[in-house]
């Protein structure tokens, strides 16, 4: 479960990076930004609340 959370976080950051690089001089597409944030938050929630340390 830990690796699933980390992969989701990395995927979210990668989506945000690709969206930033694709539309560099202009602002990023809000749909791409929202998708990246949702993936990252999904991984963060799994790590924070579902994995008990």
N, C-alpha and C. Protein backbone atom coordinates (compact mmCIF):
# COMPACT_ATOMS: atom_id res chain seq x y z
N UNK A 1 0.82 -1.18 0.00
CA UNK A 1 0.00 0.00 0.00
C UNK A 1 0.87 1.26 0.00
N UNK A 2 2.00 1.18 0.66
CA UNK A 2 2.92 2.31 0.72
C UNK A 2 3.40 2.69 -0.68
N UNK A 3 3.75 1.67 -1.47
CA UNK A 3 4.26 1.95 -2.81
C UNK A 3 3.16 2.50 -3.73
N UNK A 4 1.94 2.06 -3.53
CA UNK A 4 0.83 2.61 -4.31
C UNK A 4 0.66 4.09 -4.01
N UNK A 5 0.77 4.47 -2.75
CA UNK A 5 0.65 5.88 -2.37
C UNK A 5 1.78 6.69 -2.98
N UNK A 6 2.99 6.19 -2.92
CA UNK A 6 4.13 6.92 -3.48
C UNK A 6 4.05 7.03 -5.00
N UNK A 7 3.57 5.99 -5.67
CA UNK A 7 3.41 6.03 -7.12
C UNK A 7 2.34 7.04 -7.51
N UNK A 8 1.25 7.11 -6.74
CA UNK A 8 0.20 8.09 -7.03
C UNK A 8 0.73 9.51 -6.84
N UNK A 9 1.52 9.74 -5.81
CA UNK A 9 2.10 11.06 -5.60
C UNK A 9 3.05 11.43 -6.73
N UNK A 10 3.89 10.50 -7.13
CA UNK A 10 4.84 10.76 -8.21
C UNK A 10 4.10 11.00 -9.53
N UNK A 11 3.03 10.26 -9.76
CA UNK A 11 2.24 10.46 -10.97
C UNK A 11 1.63 11.85 -11.00
N UNK A 12 1.10 12.29 -9.86
CA UNK A 12 0.53 13.63 -9.79
C UNK A 12 1.55 14.70 -10.07
N UNK A 13 2.72 14.59 -9.49
CA UNK A 13 3.78 15.57 -9.74
C UNK A 13 4.25 15.54 -11.19
N UNK A 14 4.29 14.35 -11.78
CA UNK A 14 4.69 14.22 -13.17
C UNK A 14 3.67 14.86 -14.11
N UNK A 15 2.39 14.66 -13.82
CA UNK A 15 1.33 15.28 -14.63
C UNK A 15 1.44 16.80 -14.56
N UNK A 16 1.68 17.34 -13.38
CA UNK A 16 1.83 18.79 -13.23
C UNK A 16 3.06 19.28 -14.00
N UNK A 17 4.16 18.55 -13.92
CA UNK A 17 5.37 18.93 -14.65
C UNK A 17 5.14 18.92 -16.16
N UNK A 18 4.50 17.88 -16.67
CA UNK A 18 4.24 17.79 -18.10
C UNK A 18 3.32 18.93 -18.54
N UNK A 19 2.30 19.22 -17.77
CA UNK A 19 1.40 20.31 -18.09
C UNK A 19 2.11 21.65 -18.09
N UNK A 20 3.02 21.85 -17.15
CA UNK A 20 3.79 23.08 -17.09
C UNK A 20 4.71 23.22 -18.29
N UNK A 21 5.40 22.14 -18.63
CA UNK A 21 6.35 22.20 -19.75
C UNK A 21 5.64 22.32 -21.09
N UNK A 22 4.47 21.73 -21.21
CA UNK A 22 3.75 21.76 -22.48
C UNK A 22 3.24 23.17 -22.81
N UNK A 23 2.78 23.89 -21.80
CA UNK A 23 2.22 25.23 -22.01
C UNK A 23 3.12 26.30 -21.42
N UNK A 24 4.44 26.14 -21.54
CA UNK A 24 5.37 26.95 -20.76
C UNK A 24 5.17 28.45 -20.80
N UNK A 25 5.16 29.12 -21.93
CA UNK A 25 5.07 30.58 -21.81
C UNK A 25 3.73 31.04 -21.26
N UNK A 26 2.69 30.24 -21.47
CA UNK A 26 1.36 30.60 -20.98
C UNK A 26 1.10 29.91 -19.64
N UNK A 27 -0.07 30.19 -19.10
CA UNK A 27 -0.46 29.51 -17.87
C UNK A 27 -0.85 28.07 -18.18
N UNK A 28 -0.74 27.21 -17.19
CA UNK A 28 -1.06 25.81 -17.34
C UNK A 28 -2.57 25.63 -17.48
N UNK A 29 -2.95 24.62 -18.22
CA UNK A 29 -4.35 24.26 -18.37
C UNK A 29 -4.91 23.85 -16.99
N UNK A 30 -6.00 24.45 -16.54
CA UNK A 30 -6.53 24.13 -15.21
C UNK A 30 -6.97 22.67 -15.07
N UNK A 31 -7.40 22.04 -16.15
CA UNK A 31 -7.82 20.64 -16.08
C UNK A 31 -6.62 19.73 -15.79
N UNK A 32 -5.50 20.02 -16.42
CA UNK A 32 -4.30 19.23 -16.19
C UNK A 32 -3.80 19.45 -14.76
N UNK A 33 -3.82 20.69 -14.32
CA UNK A 33 -3.40 20.99 -12.96
C UNK A 33 -4.30 20.29 -11.95
N UNK A 34 -5.60 20.33 -12.17
CA UNK A 34 -6.53 19.66 -11.27
C UNK A 34 -6.33 18.16 -11.23
N UNK A 35 -6.07 17.57 -12.40
CA UNK A 35 -5.82 16.13 -12.45
C UNK A 35 -4.56 15.77 -11.67
N UNK A 36 -3.51 16.54 -11.85
CA UNK A 36 -2.26 16.29 -11.12
C UNK A 36 -2.44 16.43 -9.62
N UNK A 37 -3.17 17.45 -9.21
CA UNK A 37 -3.41 17.66 -7.78
C UNK A 37 -4.25 16.52 -7.21
N UNK A 38 -5.23 16.05 -7.96
CA UNK A 38 -6.07 14.95 -7.47
C UNK A 38 -5.27 13.66 -7.29
N UNK A 39 -4.38 13.35 -8.25
CA UNK A 39 -3.54 12.17 -8.10
C UNK A 39 -2.63 12.30 -6.89
N UNK A 40 -2.02 13.47 -6.74
CA UNK A 40 -1.12 13.68 -5.61
C UNK A 40 -1.87 13.56 -4.29
N UNK A 41 -3.06 14.19 -4.21
CA UNK A 41 -3.83 14.13 -2.97
C UNK A 41 -4.31 12.72 -2.66
N UNK A 42 -4.65 11.96 -3.70
CA UNK A 42 -5.04 10.57 -3.49
C UNK A 42 -3.91 9.79 -2.82
N UNK A 43 -2.70 9.95 -3.33
CA UNK A 43 -1.55 9.27 -2.73
C UNK A 43 -1.26 9.77 -1.34
N UNK A 44 -1.40 11.08 -1.12
CA UNK A 44 -1.14 11.64 0.20
C UNK A 44 -2.16 11.15 1.23
N UNK A 45 -3.43 11.09 0.83
CA UNK A 45 -4.48 10.62 1.75
C UNK A 45 -4.26 9.16 2.10
N UNK A 46 -3.90 8.35 1.10
CA UNK A 46 -3.63 6.94 1.38
C UNK A 46 -2.47 6.82 2.36
N UNK A 47 -1.42 7.58 2.13
CA UNK A 47 -0.25 7.50 3.01
C UNK A 47 -0.56 8.02 4.40
N UNK A 48 -1.27 9.11 4.48
CA UNK A 48 -1.50 9.78 5.76
C UNK A 48 -2.51 9.06 6.64
N UNK A 49 -3.62 8.64 6.05
CA UNK A 49 -4.73 8.15 6.85
C UNK A 49 -4.92 6.64 6.80
N UNK A 50 -4.53 6.00 5.73
CA UNK A 50 -4.76 4.56 5.61
C UNK A 50 -3.57 3.73 6.09
N UNK A 51 -2.40 4.32 6.10
CA UNK A 51 -1.22 3.61 6.59
C UNK A 51 -0.93 4.09 8.00
N UNK A 52 -1.06 3.23 8.93
CA UNK A 52 -0.79 3.57 10.32
C UNK A 52 0.66 3.23 10.64
N UNK A 53 1.41 4.24 11.05
CA UNK A 53 2.82 4.01 11.35
C UNK A 53 2.99 3.53 12.76
